[in-house]
Amino acid sequence: MCLDAGGRNDPFSDELLSSLDFISPNENEVEKLVGCKFYSGIERDIKKKLLTKFPNLKVLLRLGSNGCAFISNDHFLKVAPLTRENENILRDYKIIDVTGAGDCWIGSFFAKYVKLKDQMEVPEEILYSKSMLFANVCAFLCITKKGCIPSMPNLKTIKEFIVQYLSHRRSELLD
């Protein structure tokens, strides 16, 4: 089970956190989980203050224009934002509305994660990094349109974007 850490002002109960497989906060939401301001290197506090108490929990940290990270007791993986993959992306696309980007990211992450996990035996690092990269593509496309539901990209749009801007990662993203 995964919990999007957004939309909540009260603290997360130990009972709730112990029942989760994944939690997905953004930079602001992670502060409620670890009790300190977001900073570069926050993964140390996440491990020390959260994962020692909930060792089976996995954190999908959404970092907006700085990409994303996966943090567990066994792994720390960071995926850079798409704009570092191809400088033409920001020339051709404008950021319009970030509404729904987090929801799009989480849904896309798990769509890819489940597909890869069901397809074959994949090492965890590859499973998480491919899923995060795919989620970054989907969330980026989401922020280039107005409105939450109308901005959700379809598979045709995602594939066209990957072919045009990320052809060097095509096999990772479209397997």
N, C-alpha and C. Protein backbone atom coordinates (compact mmCIF):
# COMPACT_ATOMS: atom_id res chain seq x y z
N MET A 1 0.84 -1.17 0.00
CA MET A 1 0.00 0.00 0.00
C MET A 1 0.89 1.24 0.00
N CYS A 2 0.48 2.27 -0.74
CA CYS A 2 1.22 3.52 -0.84
C CYS A 2 0.35 4.67 -0.37
N LEU A 3 0.95 5.60 0.34
CA LEU A 3 0.24 6.80 0.78
C LEU A 3 0.92 8.02 0.18
N ASP A 4 0.14 8.85 -0.51
CA ASP A 4 0.61 10.16 -0.93
C ASP A 4 0.56 11.01 0.32
N ALA A 5 1.66 11.59 0.72
CA ALA A 5 1.75 12.31 1.99
C ALA A 5 1.11 13.69 1.95
N GLY A 6 0.55 14.10 0.84
CA GLY A 6 -0.03 15.42 0.72
C GLY A 6 -1.44 15.53 1.27
N GLY A 7 -1.86 16.79 1.44
CA GLY A 7 -3.23 17.08 1.85
C GLY A 7 -3.55 16.76 3.29
N ARG A 8 -2.55 16.78 4.12
CA ARG A 8 -2.74 16.37 5.50
C ARG A 8 -1.95 17.30 6.42
N ASN A 9 -2.60 17.81 7.46
CA ASN A 9 -1.90 18.70 8.39
C ASN A 9 -1.50 18.00 9.68
N ASP A 10 -2.26 16.97 10.06
CA ASP A 10 -1.95 16.27 11.31
C ASP A 10 -0.80 15.29 11.09
N PRO A 11 -0.12 14.93 12.17
CA PRO A 11 1.00 13.99 12.04
C PRO A 11 0.52 12.60 11.61
N PHE A 12 1.45 11.83 11.06
CA PHE A 12 1.15 10.46 10.65
C PHE A 12 1.30 9.56 11.86
N SER A 13 0.30 8.74 12.10
CA SER A 13 0.36 7.84 13.26
C SER A 13 1.32 6.69 12.98
N ASP A 14 1.88 6.15 14.05
CA ASP A 14 2.73 4.97 13.91
C ASP A 14 1.96 3.81 13.32
N GLU A 15 0.69 3.68 13.70
CA GLU A 15 -0.15 2.60 13.18
C GLU A 15 -0.27 2.71 11.65
N LEU A 16 -0.50 3.93 11.16
CA LEU A 16 -0.61 4.14 9.72
C LEU A 16 0.72 3.83 9.04
N LEU A 17 1.80 4.42 9.53
CA LEU A 17 3.10 4.23 8.90
C LEU A 17 3.55 2.77 8.89
N SER A 18 3.22 2.04 9.94
CA SER A 18 3.63 0.63 10.00
C SER A 18 2.82 -0.24 9.03
N SER A 19 1.67 0.26 8.55
CA SER A 19 0.85 -0.53 7.63
C SER A 19 1.20 -0.27 6.16
N LEU A 20 2.09 0.67 5.90
CA LEU A 20 2.40 1.06 4.53
C LEU A 20 3.61 0.31 3.97
N ASP A 21 3.59 0.12 2.66
CA ASP A 21 4.78 -0.36 1.94
C ASP A 21 5.58 0.84 1.43
N PHE A 22 4.85 1.86 0.95
CA PHE A 22 5.46 3.06 0.38
C PHE A 22 4.77 4.30 0.94
N ILE A 23 5.54 5.38 1.03
CA ILE A 23 4.98 6.70 1.28
C ILE A 23 5.65 7.65 0.30
N SER A 24 4.88 8.59 -0.23
CA SER A 24 5.42 9.48 -1.25
C SER A 24 5.19 10.95 -0.88
N PRO A 25 6.17 11.54 -0.21
CA PRO A 25 6.09 12.97 0.10
C PRO A 25 6.83 13.80 -0.94
N ASN A 26 6.48 15.09 -1.00
CA ASN A 26 7.30 16.02 -1.77
C ASN A 26 8.25 16.71 -0.78
N GLU A 27 8.95 17.72 -1.24
CA GLU A 27 9.94 18.39 -0.39
C GLU A 27 9.32 18.99 0.88
N ASN A 28 8.12 19.54 0.76
CA ASN A 28 7.47 20.15 1.93
C ASN A 28 6.88 19.09 2.86
N GLU A 29 6.31 18.07 2.28
CA GLU A 29 5.62 17.04 3.07
C GLU A 29 6.58 16.17 3.87
N VAL A 30 7.80 16.02 3.39
CA VAL A 30 8.76 15.17 4.10
C VAL A 30 9.11 15.77 5.47
N GLU A 31 8.94 17.06 5.62
CA GLU A 31 9.23 17.72 6.91
C GLU A 31 8.34 17.16 8.02
N LYS A 32 7.07 16.86 7.70
CA LYS A 32 6.17 16.28 8.71
C LYS A 32 6.62 14.88 9.11
N LEU A 33 7.24 14.19 8.20
CA LEU A 33 7.65 12.81 8.47
C LEU A 33 8.91 12.73 9.33
N VAL A 34 9.83 13.64 9.09
CA VAL A 34 11.12 13.54 9.80
C VAL A 34 11.34 14.65 10.82
N GLY A 35 10.47 15.65 10.83
CA GLY A 35 10.56 16.70 11.84
C GLY A 35 11.68 17.70 11.64
N CYS A 36 12.12 17.88 10.40
CA CYS A 36 13.13 18.91 10.14
C CYS A 36 12.89 19.50 8.75
N LYS A 37 13.44 20.66 8.52
CA LYS A 37 13.30 21.32 7.23
C LYS A 37 14.01 20.51 6.15
N PHE A 38 13.48 20.59 4.94
CA PHE A 38 14.09 19.90 3.81
C PHE A 38 15.46 20.51 3.52
N TYR A 39 16.43 19.66 3.24
CA TYR A 39 17.76 20.11 2.85
C TYR A 39 18.39 19.04 1.97
N SER A 40 19.42 19.42 1.25
CA SER A 40 20.14 18.45 0.43
C SER A 40 20.77 17.44 1.39
N GLY A 41 20.52 16.20 1.17
CA GLY A 41 21.00 15.16 2.08
C GLY A 41 19.95 14.69 3.06
N ILE A 42 18.69 15.07 2.84
CA ILE A 42 17.59 14.71 3.74
C ILE A 42 17.45 13.19 3.88
N GLU A 43 17.98 12.45 2.91
CA GLU A 43 17.87 10.99 2.99
C GLU A 43 18.49 10.43 4.27
N ARG A 44 19.50 11.09 4.82
CA ARG A 44 20.10 10.63 6.09
C ARG A 44 19.09 10.72 7.22
N ASP A 45 18.37 11.84 7.29
CA ASP A 45 17.35 11.99 8.33
C ASP A 45 16.18 11.05 8.10
N ILE A 46 15.83 10.82 6.85
CA ILE A 46 14.74 9.88 6.55
C ILE A 46 15.11 8.50 7.06
N LYS A 47 16.34 8.08 6.80
CA LYS A 47 16.77 6.75 7.28
C LYS A 47 16.83 6.72 8.80
N LYS A 48 17.41 7.76 9.39
CA LYS A 48 17.61 7.78 10.84
C LYS A 48 16.31 7.93 11.62
N LYS A 49 15.45 8.84 11.18
CA LYS A 49 14.25 9.17 11.95
C LYS A 49 13.00 8.41 11.55
N LEU A 50 12.97 7.87 10.34
CA LEU A 50 11.76 7.21 9.86
C LEU A 50 11.98 5.72 9.62
N LEU A 51 13.02 5.39 8.87
CA LEU A 51 13.20 4.00 8.47
C LEU A 51 13.77 3.11 9.57
N THR A 52 14.40 3.68 10.58
CA THR A 52 14.81 2.83 11.71
C THR A 52 13.59 2.36 12.49
N LYS A 53 12.57 3.21 12.54
CA LYS A 53 11.34 2.86 13.25
C LYS A 53 10.41 1.99 12.39
N PHE A 54 10.43 2.22 11.08
CA PHE A 54 9.58 1.49 10.14
C PHE A 54 10.48 0.90 9.04
N PRO A 55 11.20 -0.17 9.35
CA PRO A 55 12.25 -0.68 8.45
C PRO A 55 11.75 -1.21 7.10
N ASN A 56 10.48 -1.55 6.98
CA ASN A 56 9.97 -2.06 5.70
C ASN A 56 9.40 -0.96 4.81
N LEU A 57 9.33 0.25 5.32
CA LEU A 57 8.78 1.37 4.57
C LEU A 57 9.77 1.82 3.48
N LYS A 58 9.23 2.16 2.33
CA LYS A 58 10.02 2.70 1.23
C LYS A 58 9.50 4.10 0.94
N VAL A 59 10.41 5.04 0.71
CA VAL A 59 10.04 6.44 0.50
C VAL A 59 10.30 6.81 -0.96
N LEU A 60 9.25 7.31 -1.61
CA LEU A 60 9.34 7.85 -2.96
C LEU A 60 9.28 9.36 -2.82
N LEU A 61 10.44 9.99 -2.81
CA LEU A 61 10.54 11.43 -2.56
C LEU A 61 10.46 12.18 -3.88
N ARG A 62 9.39 12.98 -4.02
CA ARG A 62 9.18 13.78 -5.22
C ARG A 62 9.83 15.14 -5.02
N LEU A 63 10.79 15.47 -5.90
CA LEU A 63 11.59 16.68 -5.74
C LEU A 63 11.31 17.74 -6.79
N GLY A 64 10.18 17.65 -7.47
CA GLY A 64 9.80 18.66 -8.45
C GLY A 64 10.85 18.82 -9.54
N SER A 65 11.31 20.03 -9.73
CA SER A 65 12.28 20.31 -10.80
C SER A 65 13.66 19.71 -10.52
N ASN A 66 13.83 19.08 -9.37
CA ASN A 66 15.09 18.41 -9.06
C ASN A 66 15.01 16.90 -9.21
N GLY A 67 13.93 16.40 -9.79
CA GLY A 67 13.80 14.97 -10.04
C GLY A 67 13.09 14.25 -8.91
N CYS A 68 13.62 13.10 -8.51
CA CYS A 68 12.99 12.29 -7.47
C CYS A 68 14.03 11.36 -6.86
N ALA A 69 13.65 10.74 -5.75
CA ALA A 69 14.56 9.80 -5.09
C ALA A 69 13.77 8.65 -4.49
N PHE A 70 14.43 7.51 -4.40
CA PHE A 70 13.89 6.34 -3.73
C PHE A 70 14.79 6.07 -2.54
N ILE A 71 14.18 5.91 -1.36
CA ILE A 71 14.96 5.70 -0.15
C ILE A 71 14.36 4.53 0.62
N SER A 72 15.19 3.56 0.91
CA SER A 72 14.81 2.44 1.78
C SER A 72 16.03 2.15 2.65
N ASN A 73 15.90 1.19 3.53
CA ASN A 73 17.06 0.84 4.34
C ASN A 73 18.17 0.24 3.50
N ASP A 74 17.83 -0.32 2.35
CA ASP A 74 18.83 -0.97 1.50
C ASP A 74 19.31 -0.13 0.33
N HIS A 75 18.52 0.88 -0.07
CA HIS A 75 18.83 1.61 -1.30
C HIS A 75 18.61 3.11 -1.16
N PHE A 76 19.43 3.84 -1.90
CA PHE A 76 19.18 5.25 -2.15
C PHE A 76 19.46 5.48 -3.62
N LEU A 77 18.41 5.85 -4.36
CA LEU A 77 18.54 6.11 -5.78
C LEU A 77 17.96 7.48 -6.08
N LYS A 78 18.65 8.25 -6.89
CA LYS A 78 18.12 9.55 -7.28
C LYS A 78 18.06 9.58 -8.80
N VAL A 79 16.96 10.09 -9.32
CA VAL A 79 16.78 10.24 -10.76
C VAL A 79 16.67 11.73 -11.06
N ALA A 80 17.52 12.20 -11.94
CA ALA A 80 17.56 13.62 -12.30
C ALA A 80 16.31 14.01 -13.09
N PRO A 81 16.00 15.30 -13.11
CA PRO A 81 14.85 15.74 -13.91
C PRO A 81 15.11 15.56 -15.40
N LEU A 82 14.04 15.43 -16.16
CA LEU A 82 14.15 15.21 -17.61
C LEU A 82 14.90 16.31 -18.33
N THR A 83 14.78 17.52 -17.82
CA THR A 83 15.40 18.66 -18.51
C THR A 83 16.92 18.53 -18.55
N ARG A 84 17.49 17.69 -17.70
CA ARG A 84 18.93 17.43 -17.77
C ARG A 84 19.26 16.38 -18.83
N GLU A 85 18.25 15.65 -19.25
CA GLU A 85 18.44 14.62 -20.28
C GLU A 85 18.53 15.22 -21.68
N ASN A 86 17.76 16.29 -21.90
CA ASN A 86 17.71 16.91 -23.23
C ASN A 86 17.32 18.37 -23.05
N GLU A 87 18.23 19.26 -23.38
CA GLU A 87 17.98 20.70 -23.18
C GLU A 87 16.87 21.25 -24.07
N ASN A 88 16.51 20.54 -25.13
CA ASN A 88 15.44 21.00 -26.02
C ASN A 88 14.05 20.87 -25.40
N ILE A 89 13.94 20.10 -24.34
CA ILE A 89 12.63 19.90 -23.72
C ILE A 89 12.05 21.24 -23.27
N LEU A 90 12.83 22.03 -22.56
CA LEU A 90 12.31 23.32 -22.08
C LEU A 90 12.21 24.36 -23.18
N ARG A 91 12.88 24.15 -24.27
CA ARG A 91 12.71 25.04 -25.42
C ARG A 91 11.35 24.80 -26.07
N ASP A 92 10.95 23.54 -26.12
CA ASP A 92 9.73 23.16 -26.82
C ASP A 92 8.49 23.09 -25.94
N TYR A 93 8.68 22.99 -24.62
CA TYR A 93 7.56 22.88 -23.68
C TYR A 93 7.65 23.98 -22.64
N LYS A 94 6.51 24.47 -22.23
CA LYS A 94 6.42 25.46 -21.15
C LYS A 94 5.64 24.87 -19.99
N ILE A 95 6.06 25.21 -18.80
CA ILE A 95 5.35 24.76 -17.61
C ILE A 95 4.13 25.66 -17.43
N ILE A 96 2.95 25.05 -17.41
CA ILE A 96 1.68 25.78 -17.38
C ILE A 96 1.01 25.69 -16.01
N ASP A 97 0.89 24.48 -15.48
CA ASP A 97 0.10 24.26 -14.27
C ASP A 97 0.60 22.98 -13.59
N VAL A 98 1.01 23.08 -12.34
CA VAL A 98 1.55 21.91 -11.64
C VAL A 98 0.47 21.09 -10.92
N THR A 99 -0.79 21.54 -11.03
CA THR A 99 -1.89 20.81 -10.39
C THR A 99 -1.95 19.37 -10.91
N GLY A 100 -1.95 18.45 -10.02
CA GLY A 100 -2.07 17.04 -10.39
C GLY A 100 -0.76 16.34 -10.71
N ALA A 101 0.35 17.07 -10.73
CA ALA A 101 1.63 16.45 -11.11
C ALA A 101 2.05 15.36 -10.13
N GLY A 102 1.84 15.57 -8.85
CA GLY A 102 2.20 14.55 -7.86
C GLY A 102 1.37 13.29 -8.02
N ASP A 103 0.07 13.47 -8.24
CA ASP A 103 -0.81 12.32 -8.45
C ASP A 103 -0.42 11.58 -9.72
N CYS A 104 -0.12 12.33 -10.76
CA CYS A 104 0.30 11.73 -12.02
C CYS A 104 1.60 10.95 -11.81
N TRP A 105 2.55 11.54 -11.06
CA TRP A 105 3.83 10.88 -10.81
C TRP A 105 3.63 9.55 -10.08
N ILE A 106 2.83 9.56 -9.02
CA ILE A 106 2.63 8.34 -8.24
C ILE A 106 1.93 7.26 -9.07
N GLY A 107 0.87 7.64 -9.76
CA GLY A 107 0.15 6.67 -10.59
C GLY A 107 1.03 6.09 -11.68
N SER A 108 1.82 6.93 -12.32
CA SER A 108 2.72 6.48 -13.39
C SER A 108 3.84 5.60 -12.84
N PHE A 109 4.36 5.97 -11.68
CA PHE A 109 5.40 5.15 -11.05
C PHE A 109 4.88 3.73 -10.84
N PHE A 110 3.70 3.60 -10.24
CA PHE A 110 3.18 2.27 -9.94
C PHE A 110 2.71 1.52 -11.18
N ALA A 111 2.25 2.22 -12.19
CA ALA A 111 1.89 1.54 -13.44
C ALA A 111 3.13 0.87 -14.02
N LYS A 112 4.24 1.59 -14.05
CA LYS A 112 5.50 1.03 -14.58
C LYS A 112 6.06 -0.03 -13.64
N TYR A 113 6.03 0.23 -12.36
CA TYR A 113 6.55 -0.68 -11.34
C TYR A 113 5.85 -2.05 -11.44
N VAL A 114 4.53 -2.04 -11.48
CA VAL A 114 3.77 -3.29 -11.54
C VAL A 114 4.05 -4.03 -12.85
N LYS A 115 4.10 -3.28 -13.94
CA LYS A 115 4.37 -3.90 -15.25
C LYS A 115 5.73 -4.57 -15.25
N LEU A 116 6.76 -3.88 -14.78
CA LEU A 116 8.11 -4.45 -14.76
C LEU A 116 8.21 -5.62 -13.79
N LYS A 117 7.60 -5.47 -12.65
CA LYS A 117 7.67 -6.52 -11.62
C LYS A 117 6.97 -7.79 -12.11
N ASP A 118 5.88 -7.63 -12.85
CA ASP A 118 5.13 -8.78 -13.37
C ASP A 118 5.80 -9.42 -14.59
N GLN A 119 6.54 -8.61 -15.36
CA GLN A 119 7.14 -9.10 -16.60
C GLN A 119 8.29 -10.05 -16.38
N MET A 120 9.19 -9.69 -15.51
CA MET A 120 10.43 -10.44 -15.39
C MET A 120 11.07 -10.19 -14.03
N GLU A 121 12.08 -10.95 -13.77
CA GLU A 121 12.87 -10.76 -12.56
C GLU A 121 13.82 -9.60 -12.82
N VAL A 122 13.60 -8.47 -12.16
CA VAL A 122 14.41 -7.27 -12.36
C VAL A 122 15.06 -6.91 -11.04
N PRO A 123 16.36 -6.61 -11.03
CA PRO A 123 16.98 -6.14 -9.79
C PRO A 123 16.25 -4.90 -9.26
N GLU A 124 16.12 -4.80 -7.95
CA GLU A 124 15.36 -3.71 -7.34
C GLU A 124 15.80 -2.33 -7.81
N GLU A 125 17.11 -2.10 -7.91
CA GLU A 125 17.60 -0.79 -8.32
C GLU A 125 17.08 -0.41 -9.70
N ILE A 126 17.06 -1.37 -10.61
CA ILE A 126 16.57 -1.12 -11.97
C ILE A 126 15.06 -0.93 -11.96
N LEU A 127 14.37 -1.74 -11.20
CA LEU A 127 12.92 -1.63 -11.08
C LEU A 127 12.53 -0.22 -10.62
N TYR A 128 13.16 0.26 -9.56
CA TYR A 128 12.83 1.58 -9.03
C TYR A 128 13.30 2.71 -9.95
N SER A 129 14.50 2.61 -10.49
CA SER A 129 14.99 3.71 -11.33
C SER A 129 14.20 3.84 -12.62
N LYS A 130 13.85 2.71 -13.26
CA LYS A 130 13.03 2.79 -14.49
C LYS A 130 11.63 3.34 -14.18
N SER A 131 11.08 2.92 -13.07
CA SER A 131 9.74 3.40 -12.69
C SER A 131 9.76 4.89 -12.38
N MET A 132 10.81 5.37 -11.72
CA MET A 132 10.91 6.80 -11.42
C MET A 132 11.13 7.62 -12.69
N LEU A 133 11.95 7.13 -13.60
CA LEU A 133 12.18 7.84 -14.85
C LEU A 133 10.88 7.96 -15.65
N PHE A 134 10.14 6.86 -15.75
CA PHE A 134 8.86 6.89 -16.45
C PHE A 134 7.90 7.87 -15.77
N ALA A 135 7.85 7.85 -14.45
CA ALA A 135 6.98 8.77 -13.70
C ALA A 135 7.39 10.22 -13.96
N ASN A 136 8.69 10.48 -14.06
CA ASN A 136 9.15 11.84 -14.37
C ASN A 136 8.65 12.31 -15.72
N VAL A 137 8.66 11.42 -16.71
CA VAL A 137 8.15 11.76 -18.04
C VAL A 137 6.67 12.14 -17.94
N CYS A 138 5.90 11.30 -17.30
CA CYS A 138 4.45 11.52 -17.21
C CYS A 138 4.13 12.81 -16.44
N ALA A 139 4.79 13.02 -15.31
CA ALA A 139 4.53 14.22 -14.51
C ALA A 139 4.97 15.48 -15.26
N PHE A 140 6.08 15.40 -16.00
CA PHE A 140 6.50 16.56 -16.78
C PHE A 140 5.44 16.91 -17.83
N LEU A 141 4.97 15.91 -18.54
CA LEU A 141 3.93 16.17 -19.54
C LEU A 141 2.67 16.74 -18.88
N CYS A 142 2.38 16.30 -17.69
CA CYS A 142 1.21 16.79 -16.95
C CYS A 142 1.30 18.29 -16.70
N ILE A 143 2.47 18.79 -16.34
CA ILE A 143 2.59 20.21 -15.99
C ILE A 143 2.64 21.13 -17.20
N THR A 144 2.58 20.56 -18.38
CA THR A 144 2.60 21.39 -19.59
C THR A 144 1.20 21.69 -20.11
N LYS A 145 0.18 21.29 -19.35
CA LYS A 145 -1.22 21.57 -19.73
C LYS A 145 -1.97 22.08 -18.51
N LYS A 146 -3.05 22.77 -18.74
CA LYS A 146 -3.85 23.33 -17.66
C LYS A 146 -4.90 22.32 -17.18
N GLY A 147 -5.10 22.33 -15.88
CA GLY A 147 -6.15 21.50 -15.29
C GLY A 147 -5.63 20.13 -14.88
N CYS A 148 -6.24 19.59 -13.86
CA CYS A 148 -5.78 18.31 -13.32
C CYS A 148 -6.08 17.13 -14.25
N ILE A 149 -7.33 16.88 -14.54
CA ILE A 149 -7.69 15.73 -15.37
C ILE A 149 -7.26 15.92 -16.83
N PRO A 150 -7.52 17.09 -17.44
CA PRO A 150 -7.12 17.25 -18.85
C PRO A 150 -5.60 17.16 -19.07
N SER A 151 -4.82 17.36 -18.03
CA SER A 151 -3.37 17.36 -18.20
C SER A 151 -2.74 15.97 -18.10
N MET A 152 -3.50 14.98 -17.70
CA MET A 152 -2.94 13.63 -17.56
C MET A 152 -2.60 13.09 -18.95
N PRO A 153 -1.33 12.72 -19.18
CA PRO A 153 -0.94 12.27 -20.52
C PRO A 153 -1.42 10.85 -20.82
N ASN A 154 -1.70 10.60 -22.07
CA ASN A 154 -2.05 9.24 -22.48
C ASN A 154 -0.79 8.55 -23.00
N LEU A 155 -0.88 7.25 -23.21
CA LEU A 155 0.29 6.47 -23.59
C LEU A 155 0.86 6.91 -24.94
N LYS A 156 0.01 7.30 -25.87
CA LYS A 156 0.47 7.76 -27.18
C LYS A 156 1.35 9.01 -27.03
N THR A 157 0.89 9.97 -26.22
CA THR A 157 1.65 11.20 -25.98
C THR A 157 2.98 10.90 -25.29
N ILE A 158 2.94 10.00 -24.34
CA ILE A 158 4.15 9.61 -23.60
C ILE A 158 5.17 8.99 -24.55
N LYS A 159 4.71 8.06 -25.38
CA LYS A 159 5.62 7.39 -26.33
C LYS A 159 6.22 8.39 -27.33
N GLU A 160 5.40 9.29 -27.85
CA GLU A 160 5.90 10.29 -28.80
C GLU A 160 6.95 11.19 -28.15
N PHE A 161 6.72 11.59 -26.91
CA PHE A 161 7.69 12.41 -26.18
C PHE A 161 9.01 11.65 -26.00
N ILE A 162 8.92 10.41 -25.58
CA ILE A 162 10.12 9.59 -25.35
C ILE A 162 10.91 9.43 -26.65
N VAL A 163 10.24 9.13 -27.74
CA VAL A 163 10.92 8.95 -29.02
C VAL A 163 11.61 10.24 -29.44
N GLN A 164 10.94 11.38 -29.26
CA GLN A 164 11.51 12.65 -29.72
C GLN A 164 12.62 13.17 -28.81
N TYR A 165 12.47 13.07 -27.50
CA TYR A 165 13.40 13.73 -26.58
C TYR A 165 14.30 12.79 -25.79
N LEU A 166 13.91 11.53 -25.67
CA LEU A 166 14.68 10.60 -24.84
C LEU A 166 14.96 9.30 -25.57
N SER A 167 15.24 9.40 -26.86
CA SER A 167 15.44 8.19 -27.65
C SER A 167 16.58 7.34 -27.11
N HIS A 168 17.57 7.96 -26.47
CA HIS A 168 18.68 7.22 -25.89
C HIS A 168 18.25 6.37 -24.69
N ARG A 169 17.06 6.61 -24.15
CA ARG A 169 16.55 5.84 -23.02
C ARG A 169 15.27 5.09 -23.38
N ARG A 170 15.00 5.02 -24.68
CA ARG A 170 13.75 4.43 -25.17
C ARG A 170 13.53 3.02 -24.64
N SER A 171 14.56 2.18 -24.68
CA SER A 171 14.37 0.79 -24.24
C SER A 171 14.06 0.71 -22.74
N GLU A 172 14.62 1.61 -21.96
CA GLU A 172 14.32 1.64 -20.52
C GLU A 172 12.87 2.03 -20.24
N LEU A 173 12.41 2.99 -21.03
CA LEU A 173 11.11 3.58 -20.75
C LEU A 173 9.94 2.83 -21.39
N LEU A 174 10.18 2.17 -22.48
CA LEU A 174 9.08 1.56 -23.21
C LEU A 174 9.07 0.04 -23.15
N ASP A 175 9.88 -0.57 -22.30
CA ASP A 175 9.84 -2.03 -22.20
C ASP A 175 8.64 -2.50 -21.42
